[in-house]
Amino acid sequence: MDAPRTLRPGDGPYPGLLAQIPDRPPALRVRGALCPEARRAAVVGSRDMDGYGEEVTRSIVTGLARAGVSVVSGGARGIDGVAHRAALEAGGHTVAVLGTGVDVPYPAQHRRLFGEILEAGGALVSEQPDGTPAFKQNFPARNRVISGMSEVVVVVRARTGSGALITASWARSQGRTVLAVPGDVRDELSAGTHALLRGGARLVGSAADVLSELGLAEVRAQRPLPLLSGGAAALLAALSRRPRHAGEVAQSAGVQVGEALAGLLSLELEGLCEQRPGHYFLRREGI
């Protein structure tokens, strides 16, 4: 399922929000499942990470993942990597938008992380042809894809001139809501986020703040959600409180109908979804 494929505007899995921006990519190379029905929030920040940034990122992303929000980031070192891992650990769906080809792991130390994203039903995305190495000029354009496919952009930690601020700038030009996490005024890693707040970004300190912007309620799990493997996370992200036929869910998750049925039955056993007559499934209340 992780073999690269090409999506173009008008194709069902091509992100609908991304298709609406003026400079949308004419084609995306994708590995894994995008889950077009999922709500999406981008979480980005500095490659230079501190304990505060890691803690806040994990807290926000865990809450988003538990609420069924797909977490989008850039696959980079630092905050991006923490965001992807926190989504996986919470049993959620995550998308890494790369500045290289989808078959080129960059940074190299994230090769395993990218594999885990695919194994958990997430996706790797790039507008660059397969085999494209890490050319510096491709990354600012990559950032417009991160914001373009997301409803909101959360910036956690950023120095002045950080690439995360480029993502925020793209988000504003695309009409997306920009959220910024405040920090110590003496810390260089707070300079970028504080500049965003002075420029009109909304202050965010928790997953509940982000979910409020999305019109969603926070999920207060009585127990940790199980770690989902294979396409299970993609299937869960494709479900909503409206019953959907297994065939429709399969198409959204990018799997075969038989595989979807088996995965949905497993989710039902885990207490994460409910089945209705005629192979219709819906997400459980509070999941």
C-alpha atoms as a PDB file:
ATOM      1  CA  MET A   1       0.000   0.000   0.000  1.00  0.00           C
ATOM      2  CA  ASP A   2       2.990   2.346   0.443  1.00  0.00           C
ATOM      3  CA  ALA A   3       4.070   2.254  -3.224  1.00  0.00           C
ATOM      4  CA  PRO A   4       4.123   5.859  -4.501  1.00  0.00           C
ATOM      5  CA  ARG A   5       1.116   6.949  -6.537  1.00  0.00           C
ATOM      6  CA  THR A   6       0.166  10.230  -8.203  1.00  0.00           C
ATOM      7  CA  LEU A   7      -2.862  12.300  -7.203  1.00  0.00           C
ATOM      8  CA  ARG A   8      -4.157  15.292  -9.140  1.00  0.00           C
ATOM      9  CA  PRO A   9      -6.810  17.897  -8.294  1.00  0.00           C
ATOM     10  CA  GLY A  10     -10.163  16.274  -8.885  1.00  0.00           C
ATOM     11  CA  ASP A  11      -8.987  12.873  -7.698  1.00  0.00           C
ATOM     12  CA  GLY A  12     -10.976  11.807  -4.650  1.00  0.00           C
ATOM     13  CA  PRO A  13      -8.051  11.468  -2.215  1.00  0.00           C
ATOM     14  CA  TYR A  14      -6.415  14.764  -3.309  1.00  0.00           C
ATOM     15  CA  PRO A  15      -6.854  17.073  -0.273  1.00  0.00           C
ATOM     16  CA  GLY A  16      -9.881  19.266  -0.890  1.00  0.00           C
ATOM     17  CA  LEU A  17      -8.512  22.311   0.937  1.00  0.00           C
ATOM     18  CA  LEU A  18      -5.229  22.094  -0.939  1.00  0.00           C
ATOM     19  CA  ALA A  19      -7.095  21.983  -4.246  1.00  0.00           C
ATOM     20  CA  GLN A  20      -8.592  25.406  -3.442  1.00  0.00           C
ATOM     21  CA  ILE A  21      -5.351  27.394  -3.136  1.00  0.00           C
ATOM     22  CA  PRO A  22      -4.238  29.340  -6.229  1.00  0.00           C
ATOM     23  CA  ASP A  23      -0.813  27.683  -6.473  1.00  0.00           C
ATOM     24  CA  ARG A  24      -1.939  24.161  -5.685  1.00  0.00           C
ATOM     25  CA  PRO A  25       0.470  21.408  -6.750  1.00  0.00           C
ATOM     26  CA  PRO A  26      -0.657  20.032 -10.125  1.00  0.00           C
ATOM     27  CA  ALA A  27       0.311  16.586  -8.865  1.00  0.00           C
ATOM     28  CA  LEU A  28       1.186  14.996  -5.549  1.00  0.00           C
ATOM     29  CA  ARG A  29       3.240  11.872  -5.045  1.00  0.00           C
ATOM     30  CA  VAL A  30       1.781   9.956  -2.126  1.00  0.00           C
ATOM     31  CA  ARG A  31       2.721   6.895  -0.126  1.00  0.00           C
ATOM     32  CA  GLY A  32       0.168   5.546   2.336  1.00  0.00           C
ATOM     33  CA  ALA A  33      -3.358   6.787   3.074  1.00  0.00           C
ATOM     34  CA  LEU A  34      -4.342  10.470   3.115  1.00  0.00           C
ATOM     35  CA  CYS A  35      -7.853   9.942   4.563  1.00  0.00           C
ATOM     36  CA  PRO A  36      -9.607  12.785   2.693  1.00  0.00           C
ATOM     37  CA  GLU A  37     -12.535  12.797   5.137  1.00  0.00           C
ATOM     38  CA  ALA A  38     -10.313  13.550   8.161  1.00  0.00           C
ATOM     39  CA  ARG A  39     -10.081  16.994   9.762  1.00  0.00           C
ATOM     40  CA  ARG A  40      -6.493  18.246   9.580  1.00  0.00           C
ATOM     41  CA  ALA A  41      -4.324  20.494  11.726  1.00  0.00           C
ATOM     42  CA  ALA A  42      -0.693  21.349  11.021  1.00  0.00           C
ATOM     43  CA  VAL A  43       1.719  21.396  13.963  1.00  0.00           C
ATOM     44  CA  VAL A  44       5.144  22.853  13.159  1.00  0.00           C
ATOM     45  CA  GLY A  45       8.074  24.447  14.914  1.00  0.00           C
ATOM     46  CA  SER A  46      11.805  24.770  15.323  1.00  0.00           C
ATOM     47  CA  ARG A  47      14.310  22.062  14.466  1.00  0.00           C
ATOM     48  CA  ASP A  48      16.128  23.103  17.650  1.00  0.00           C
ATOM     49  CA  MET A  49      13.905  21.693  20.351  1.00  0.00           C
ATOM     50  CA  ASP A  50      13.834  22.101  24.118  1.00  0.00           C
ATOM     51  CA  GLY A  51      11.943  20.251  26.836  1.00  0.00           C
ATOM     52  CA  TYR A  52       9.151  22.825  26.936  1.00  0.00           C
ATOM     53  CA  GLY A  53       8.552  22.587  23.199  1.00  0.00           C
ATOM     54  CA  GLU A  54       8.523  18.796  23.272  1.00  0.00           C
ATOM     55  CA  GLU A  55       6.116  18.670  26.225  1.00  0.00           C
ATOM     56  CA  VAL A  56       3.662  21.162  24.739  1.00  0.00           C
ATOM     57  CA  THR A  57       3.792  19.525  21.309  1.00  0.00           C
ATOM     58  CA  ARG A  58       3.085  16.080  22.751  1.00  0.00           C
ATOM     59  CA  SER A  59       0.198  17.398  24.828  1.00  0.00           C
ATOM     60  CA  ILE A  60      -1.458  19.241  21.938  1.00  0.00           C
ATOM     61  CA  VAL A  61      -0.955  16.473  19.383  1.00  0.00           C
ATOM     62  CA  THR A  62      -2.166  13.725  21.721  1.00  0.00           C
ATOM     63  CA  GLY A  63      -5.425  15.601  22.244  1.00  0.00           C
ATOM     64  CA  LEU A  64      -5.837  16.221  18.524  1.00  0.00           C
ATOM     65  CA  ALA A  65      -5.174  12.580  17.632  1.00  0.00           C
ATOM     66  CA  ARG A  66      -7.637  11.315  20.241  1.00  0.00           C
ATOM     67  CA  ALA A  67     -10.279  13.603  18.753  1.00  0.00           C
ATOM     68  CA  GLY A  68      -9.703  12.066  15.319  1.00  0.00           C
ATOM     69  CA  VAL A  69      -7.806  15.026  13.838  1.00  0.00           C
ATOM     70  CA  SER A  70      -5.079  14.127  11.342  1.00  0.00           C
ATOM     71  CA  VAL A  71      -1.810  15.848  12.310  1.00  0.00           C
ATOM     72  CA  VAL A  72       0.185  17.332   9.424  1.00  0.00           C
ATOM     73  CA  SER A  73       3.834  18.345   9.711  1.00  0.00           C
ATOM     74  CA  GLY A  74       7.020  18.511   7.697  1.00  0.00           C
ATOM     75  CA  GLY A  75       8.913  15.420   8.838  1.00  0.00           C
ATOM     76  CA  ALA A  76      11.869  17.554   9.988  1.00  0.00           C
ATOM     77  CA  ARG A  77      13.972  17.255  13.126  1.00  0.00           C
ATOM     78  CA  GLY A  78      12.666  18.870  16.295  1.00  0.00           C
ATOM     79  CA  ILE A  79       9.022  19.815  16.703  1.00  0.00           C
ATOM     80  CA  ASP A  80       7.918  18.185  13.428  1.00  0.00           C
ATOM     81  CA  GLY A  81       9.298  14.807  14.436  1.00  0.00           C
ATOM     82  CA  VAL A  82       7.758  15.020  17.903  1.00  0.00           C
ATOM     83  CA  ALA A  83       4.375  15.894  16.383  1.00  0.00           C
ATOM     84  CA  HIS A  84       4.426  12.836  14.112  1.00  0.00           C
ATOM     85  CA  ARG A  85       5.542  10.506  16.908  1.00  0.00           C
ATOM     86  CA  ALA A  86       2.989  11.834  19.394  1.00  0.00           C
ATOM     87  CA  ALA A  87       0.204  11.260  16.857  1.00  0.00           C
ATOM     88  CA  LEU A  88       1.379   7.677  16.321  1.00  0.00           C
ATOM     89  CA  GLU A  89       1.674   6.993  20.050  1.00  0.00           C
ATOM     90  CA  ALA A  90      -1.899   8.223  20.542  1.00  0.00           C
ATOM     91  CA  GLY A  91      -3.162   5.844  17.850  1.00  0.00           C
ATOM     92  CA  GLY A  92      -3.878   8.725  15.469  1.00  0.00           C
ATOM     93  CA  HIS A  93      -3.318   9.591  11.829  1.00  0.00           C
ATOM     94  CA  THR A  94      -0.446  11.764  10.650  1.00  0.00           C
ATOM     95  CA  VAL A  95       0.838  13.111   7.315  1.00  0.00           C
ATOM     96  CA  ALA A  96       4.464  14.083   6.648  1.00  0.00           C
ATOM     97  CA  VAL A  97       4.859  16.571   3.785  1.00  0.00           C
ATOM     98  CA  LEU A  98       8.380  16.226   2.420  1.00  0.00           C
ATOM     99  CA  GLY A  99      10.622  18.581   0.483  1.00  0.00           C
ATOM    100  CA  THR A 100      12.292  15.598  -1.164  1.00  0.00           C
ATOM    101  CA  GLY A 101      10.839  12.761  -3.187  1.00  0.00           C
ATOM    102  CA  VAL A 102       8.586  10.485  -1.140  1.00  0.00           C
ATOM    103  CA  ASP A 103      11.169   7.739  -1.601  1.00  0.00           C
ATOM    104  CA  VAL A 104      14.001   9.850  -0.142  1.00  0.00           C
ATOM    105  CA  PRO A 105      14.074   9.821   3.670  1.00  0.00           C
ATOM    106  CA  TYR A 106      15.194  13.270   4.824  1.00  0.00           C
ATOM    107  CA  PRO A 107      16.495  13.744   7.389  1.00  0.00           C
ATOM    108  CA  ALA A 108      18.072  10.294   7.234  1.00  0.00           C
ATOM    109  CA  GLN A 109      17.522   9.705  10.952  1.00  0.00           C
ATOM    110  CA  HIS A 110      13.764   9.788  10.312  1.00  0.00           C
ATOM    111  CA  ARG A 111      13.798   6.788   7.976  1.00  0.00           C
ATOM    112  CA  ARG A 112      12.323   4.624  10.742  1.00  0.00           C
ATOM    113  CA  LEU A 113       9.754   7.299  11.672  1.00  0.00           C
ATOM    114  CA  PHE A 114       8.534   7.509   8.075  1.00  0.00           C
ATOM    115  CA  GLY A 115       8.196   3.743   7.995  1.00  0.00           C
ATOM    116  CA  GLU A 116       6.154   3.821  11.205  1.00  0.00           C
ATOM    117  CA  ILE A 117       3.873   6.495   9.735  1.00  0.00           C
ATOM    118  CA  LEU A 118       3.125   4.228   6.785  1.00  0.00           C
ATOM    119  CA  GLU A 119       2.687   1.136   8.960  1.00  0.00           C
ATOM    120  CA  ALA A 120       0.161   3.012  11.117  1.00  0.00           C
ATOM    121  CA  GLY A 121      -1.961   4.041   8.123  1.00  0.00           C
ATOM    122  CA  GLY A 122      -0.582   7.565   7.687  1.00  0.00           C
ATOM    123  CA  ALA A 123       0.942   9.143   4.595  1.00  0.00           C
ATOM    124  CA  LEU A 124       4.075  10.665   3.097  1.00  0.00           C
ATOM    125  CA  VAL A 125       3.390  13.430   0.560  1.00  0.00           C
ATOM    126  CA  SER A 126       5.517  15.470  -1.831  1.00  0.00           C
ATOM    127  CA  GLU A 127       5.064  17.536  -4.957  1.00  0.00           C
ATOM    128  CA  GLN A 128       8.623  16.627  -5.984  1.00  0.00           C
ATOM    129  CA  PRO A 129       9.372  13.737  -8.362  1.00  0.00           C
ATOM    130  CA  ASP A 130      10.587  10.487  -6.869  1.00  0.00           C
ATOM    131  CA  GLY A 131      14.307  10.516  -6.213  1.00  0.00           C
ATOM    132  CA  THR A 132      14.525  14.292  -5.639  1.00  0.00           C
ATOM    133  CA  PRO A 133      17.235  14.983  -3.011  1.00  0.00           C
ATOM    134  CA  ALA A 134      17.097  17.669  -0.322  1.00  0.00           C
ATOM    135  CA  PHE A 135      17.474  20.861  -2.366  1.00  0.00           C
ATOM    136  CA  LYS A 136      17.178  23.861  -0.036  1.00  0.00           C
ATOM    137  CA  GLN A 137      14.960  25.817  -2.424  1.00  0.00           C
ATOM    138  CA  ASN A 138      12.220  23.166  -2.335  1.00  0.00           C
ATOM    139  CA  PHE A 139      11.408  23.483   1.355  1.00  0.00           C
ATOM    140  CA  PRO A 140       9.695  26.920   1.450  1.00  0.00           C
ATOM    141  CA  ALA A 141       7.327  25.722  -1.303  1.00  0.00           C
ATOM    142  CA  ARG A 142       6.794  22.503   0.670  1.00  0.00           C
ATOM    143  CA  ASN A 143       5.525  24.634   3.555  1.00  0.00           C
ATOM    144  CA  ARG A 144       2.606  25.965   1.492  1.00  0.00           C
ATOM    145  CA  VAL A 145       1.437  22.360   1.064  1.00  0.00           C
ATOM    146  CA  ILE A 146       1.558  21.785   4.834  1.00  0.00           C
ATOM    147  CA  SER A 147      -0.666  24.812   5.472  1.00  0.00           C
ATOM    148  CA  GLY A 148      -2.730  24.378   2.322  1.00  0.00           C
ATOM    149  CA  MET A 149      -3.994  20.930   3.265  1.00  0.00           C
ATOM    150  CA  SER A 150      -4.725  21.942   6.894  1.00  0.00           C
ATOM    151  CA  GLU A 151      -7.565  23.881   8.485  1.00  0.00           C
ATOM    152  CA  VAL A 152      -5.337  25.495  11.125  1.00  0.00           C
ATOM    153  CA  VAL A 153      -1.596  25.854  11.644  1.00  0.00           C
ATOM    154  CA  VAL A 154      -0.115  25.603  15.150  1.00  0.00           C
ATOM    155  CA  VAL A 155       3.402  27.003  15.644  1.00  0.00           C
ATOM    156  CA  VAL A 156       4.991  25.744  18.854  1.00  0.00           C
ATOM    157  CA  ARG A 157       8.573  27.038  18.965  1.00  0.00           C
ATOM    158  CA  ALA A 158      10.289  29.279  16.421  1.00  0.00           C
ATOM    159  CA  ARG A 159      13.234  31.612  16.251  1.00  0.00           C
ATOM    160  CA  THR A 160      13.062  34.748  14.149  1.00  0.00           C
ATOM    161  CA  GLY A 161      13.461  33.600  10.538  1.00  0.00           C
ATOM    162  CA  SER A 162      12.405  30.033  11.294  1.00  0.00           C
ATOM    163  CA  GLY A 163      10.926  27.913   8.521  1.00  0.00           C
ATOM    164  CA  ALA A 164       7.833  27.490  10.706  1.00  0.00           C
ATOM    165  CA  LEU A 165       7.176  31.215  10.217  1.00  0.00           C
ATOM    166  CA  ILE A 166       7.185  30.654   6.454  1.00  0.00           C
ATOM    167  CA  THR A 167       4.457  28.062   6.978  1.00  0.00           C
ATOM    168  CA  ALA A 168       2.513  30.585   9.062  1.00  0.00           C
ATOM    169  CA  SER A 169       2.899  33.206   6.333  1.00  0.00           C
ATOM    170  CA  TRP A 170       1.577  30.782   3.730  1.00  0.00           C
ATOM    171  CA  ALA A 171      -1.298  29.925   6.059  1.00  0.00           C
ATOM    172  CA  ARG A 172      -2.358  33.556   6.340  1.00  0.00           C
ATOM    173  CA  SER A 173      -2.236  34.059   2.580  1.00  0.00           C
ATOM    174  CA  GLN A 174      -4.420  30.961   2.208  1.00  0.00           C
ATOM    175  CA  GLY A 175      -6.966  32.138   4.765  1.00  0.00           C
ATOM    176  CA  ARG A 176      -6.012  29.553   7.380  1.00  0.00           C
ATOM    177  CA  THR A 177      -6.117  30.265  11.111  1.00  0.00           C
ATOM    178  CA  VAL A 178      -2.661  30.611  12.672  1.00  0.00           C
ATOM    179  CA  LEU A 179      -2.219  29.603  16.304  1.00  0.00           C
ATOM    180  CA  ALA A 180       0.966  30.205  18.299  1.00  0.00           C
ATOM    181  CA  VAL A 181       2.223  28.859  21.613  1.00  0.00           C
ATOM    182  CA  PRO A 182       3.747  31.543  23.880  1.00  0.00           C
ATOM    183  CA  GLY A 183       7.007  31.000  25.748  1.00  0.00           C
ATOM    184  CA  ASP A 184       9.617  32.685  27.894  1.00  0.00           C
ATOM    185  CA  VAL A 185      10.192  36.215  26.567  1.00  0.00           C
ATOM    186  CA  ARG A 186      13.934  35.771  27.193  1.00  0.00           C
ATOM    187  CA  ASP A 187      14.158  32.671  25.025  1.00  0.00           C
ATOM    188  CA  GLU A 188      15.157  32.919  21.341  1.00  0.00           C
ATOM    189  CA  LEU A 189      12.810  30.014  20.566  1.00  0.00           C
ATOM    190  CA  SER A 190       9.903  32.212  21.671  1.00  0.00           C
ATOM    191  CA  ALA A 191      10.801  35.174  19.453  1.00  0.00           C
ATOM    192  CA  GLY A 192       9.052  33.834  16.357  1.00  0.00           C
ATOM    193  CA  THR A 193       5.863  32.729  18.082  1.00  0.00           C
ATOM    194  CA  HIS A 194       5.614  36.015  19.973  1.00  0.00           C
ATOM    195  CA  ALA A 195       5.995  37.898  16.697  1.00  0.00           C
ATOM    196  CA  LEU A 196       3.095  35.855  15.319  1.00  0.00           C
ATOM    197  CA  LEU A 197       0.982  36.709  18.373  1.00  0.00           C
ATOM    198  CA  ARG A 198       1.749  40.413  17.977  1.00  0.00           C
ATOM    199  CA  GLY A 199       0.746  40.081  14.335  1.00  0.00           C
ATOM    200  CA  GLY A 200      -2.677  38.667  15.137  1.00  0.00           C
ATOM    201  CA  ALA A 201      -2.142  34.931  15.588  1.00  0.00           C
ATOM    202  CA  ARG A 202      -4.340  33.349  18.220  1.00  0.00           C
ATOM    203  CA  LEU A 203      -2.766  32.183  21.431  1.00  0.00           C
ATOM    204  CA  VAL A 204      -2.936  28.444  22.039  1.00  0.00           C
ATOM    205  CA  GLY A 205      -1.834  26.440  25.054  1.00  0.00           C
ATOM    206  CA  SER A 206      -3.664  23.149  24.791  1.00  0.00           C
ATOM    207  CA  ALA A 207      -5.363  20.707  22.475  1.00  0.00           C
ATOM    208  CA  ALA A 208      -8.707  22.067  23.696  1.00  0.00           C
ATOM    209  CA  ASP A 209      -7.802  25.497  22.240  1.00  0.00           C
ATOM    210  CA  VAL A 210      -7.059  23.989  18.831  1.00  0.00           C
ATOM    211  CA  LEU A 211     -10.141  21.779  18.869  1.00  0.00           C
ATOM    212  CA  SER A 212     -12.265  24.816  19.740  1.00  0.00           C
ATOM    213  CA  GLU A 213     -10.985  26.527  16.581  1.00  0.00           C
ATOM    214  CA  LEU A 214     -12.036  23.424  14.657  1.00  0.00           C
ATOM    215  CA  GLY A 215     -15.445  23.286  16.324  1.00  0.00           C
ATOM    216  CA  LEU A 216     -14.637  19.944  17.946  1.00  0.00           C
ATOM    217  CA  ALA A 217     -14.818  18.757  21.526  1.00  0.00           C
ATOM    218  CA  GLU A 218     -11.841  17.458  23.465  1.00  0.00           C
ATOM    219  CA  VAL A 219     -11.840  13.704  24.056  1.00  0.00           C
ATOM    220  CA  ARG A 220     -11.008  12.875  27.652  1.00  0.00           C
ATOM    221  CA  ALA A 221     -10.123   9.234  27.357  1.00  0.00           C
ATOM    222  CA  GLN A 222     -10.737   7.024  30.376  1.00  0.00           C
ATOM    223  CA  ARG A 223      -7.949   4.793  29.097  1.00  0.00           C
ATOM    224  CA  PRO A 224      -5.226   5.338  26.496  1.00  0.00           C
ATOM    225  CA  LEU A 225      -6.340   4.599  22.966  1.00  0.00           C
ATOM    226  CA  PRO A 226      -4.745   1.403  21.658  1.00  0.00           C
ATOM    227  CA  LEU A 227      -1.785   1.685  19.329  1.00  0.00           C
ATOM    228  CA  LEU A 228      -3.248   1.035  15.893  1.00  0.00           C
ATOM    229  CA  SER A 229      -1.227  -0.813  13.281  1.00  0.00           C
ATOM    230  CA  GLY A 230      -1.568  -1.307   9.555  1.00  0.00           C
ATOM    231  CA  GLY A 231      -4.448   0.608   8.004  1.00  0.00           C
ATOM    232  CA  ALA A 232      -6.469   0.738  11.246  1.00  0.00           C
ATOM    233  CA  ALA A 233      -5.540   4.353  12.015  1.00  0.00           C
ATOM    234  CA  ALA A 234      -6.477   5.359   8.465  1.00  0.00           C
ATOM    235  CA  LEU A 235      -9.829   3.577   8.811  1.00  0.00           C
ATOM    236  CA  LEU A 236     -10.545   5.283  12.145  1.00  0.00           C
ATOM    237  CA  ALA A 237      -9.675   8.679  10.663  1.00  0.00           C
ATOM    238  CA  ALA A 238     -12.080   7.998   7.773  1.00  0.00           C
ATOM    239  CA  LEU A 239     -15.006   7.410  10.149  1.00  0.00           C
ATOM    240  CA  SER A 240     -17.308  10.040  11.590  1.00  0.00           C
ATOM    241  CA  ARG A 241     -20.487  10.119  13.650  1.00  0.00           C
ATOM    242  CA  ARG A 242     -22.424   9.669  10.390  1.00  0.00           C
ATOM    243  CA  PRO A 243     -22.618   6.008   9.302  1.00  0.00           C
ATOM    244  CA  ARG A 244     -20.510   5.313   6.213  1.00  0.00           C
ATOM    245  CA  HIS A 245     -20.566   2.181   4.097  1.00  0.00           C
ATOM    246  CA  ALA A 246     -17.468  -0.021   4.324  1.00  0.00           C
ATOM    247  CA  GLY A 247     -16.777   0.538   0.631  1.00  0.00           C
ATOM    248  CA  GLU A 248     -16.778   4.313   1.098  1.00  0.00           C
ATOM    249  CA  VAL A 249     -14.512   4.007   4.148  1.00  0.00           C
ATOM    250  CA  ALA A 250     -12.160   1.742   2.189  1.00  0.00           C
ATOM    251  CA  GLN A 251     -11.876   4.276  -0.624  1.00  0.00           C
ATOM    252  CA  SER A 252     -11.134   7.121   1.827  1.00  0.00           C
ATOM    253  CA  ALA A 253      -8.507   5.057   3.660  1.00  0.00           C
ATOM    254  CA  GLY A 254      -6.901   3.804   0.448  1.00  0.00           C
ATOM    255  CA  VAL A 255      -7.404   0.084   1.144  1.00  0.00           C
ATOM    256  CA  GLN A 256      -9.342  -2.779  -0.440  1.00  0.00           C
ATOM    257  CA  VAL A 257     -12.893  -3.410   0.789  1.00  0.00           C
ATOM    258  CA  GLY A 258     -12.017  -6.787   2.295  1.00  0.00           C
ATOM    259  CA  GLU A 259      -9.110  -5.295   4.207  1.00  0.00           C
ATOM    260  CA  ALA A 260     -11.345  -2.448   5.356  1.00  0.00           C
ATOM    261  CA  LEU A 261     -14.013  -4.823   6.675  1.00  0.00           C
ATOM    262  CA  ALA A 262     -11.447  -6.801   8.646  1.00  0.00           C
ATOM    263  CA  GLY A 263      -9.939  -3.617  10.052  1.00  0.00           C
ATOM    264  CA  LEU A 264     -13.327  -2.129  10.932  1.00  0.00           C
ATOM    265  CA  LEU A 265     -14.321  -5.277  12.792  1.00  0.00           C
ATOM    266  CA  SER A 266     -11.081  -5.024  14.777  1.00  0.00           C
ATOM    267  CA  LEU A 267     -11.881  -1.392  15.604  1.00  0.00           C
ATOM    268  CA  GLU A 268     -15.337  -2.488  16.706  1.00  0.00           C
ATOM    269  CA  LEU A 269     -13.810  -5.071  19.058  1.00  0.00           C
ATOM    270  CA  GLU A 270     -11.572  -2.333  20.469  1.00  0.00           C
ATOM    271  CA  GLY A 271     -14.679  -0.253  21.182  1.00  0.00           C
ATOM    272  CA  LEU A 272     -13.658   2.478  18.740  1.00  0.00           C
ATOM    273  CA  CYS A 273     -16.481   2.165  16.200  1.00  0.00           C
ATOM    274  CA  GLU A 274     -20.004   0.799  15.855  1.00  0.00           C
ATOM    275  CA  GLN A 275     -21.544  -1.248  13.054  1.00  0.00           C
ATOM    276  CA  ARG A 276     -24.986  -0.723  11.564  1.00  0.00           C
ATOM    277  CA  PRO A 277     -26.899  -3.147   9.289  1.00  0.00           C
ATOM    278  CA  GLY A 278     -25.632  -3.320   5.712  1.00  0.00           C
ATOM    279  CA  HIS A 279     -21.926  -2.900   6.571  1.00  0.00           C
ATOM    280  CA  TYR A 280     -22.278   0.712   7.698  1.00  0.00           C
ATOM    281  CA  PHE A 281     -19.838   1.913  10.359  1.00  0.00           C
ATOM    282  CA  LEU A 282     -19.498   5.034  12.505  1.00  0.00           C
ATOM    283  CA  ARG A 283     -17.052   6.335  15.087  1.00  0.00           C
ATOM    284  CA  ARG A 284     -18.056   5.699  18.713  1.00  0.00           C
ATOM    285  CA  GLU A 285     -19.200   8.700  20.769  1.00  0.00           C
ATOM    286  CA  GLY A 286     -16.246  10.271  22.536  1.00  0.00           C
ATOM    287  CA  ILE A 287     -13.602   8.717  20.248  1.00  0.00           C
END
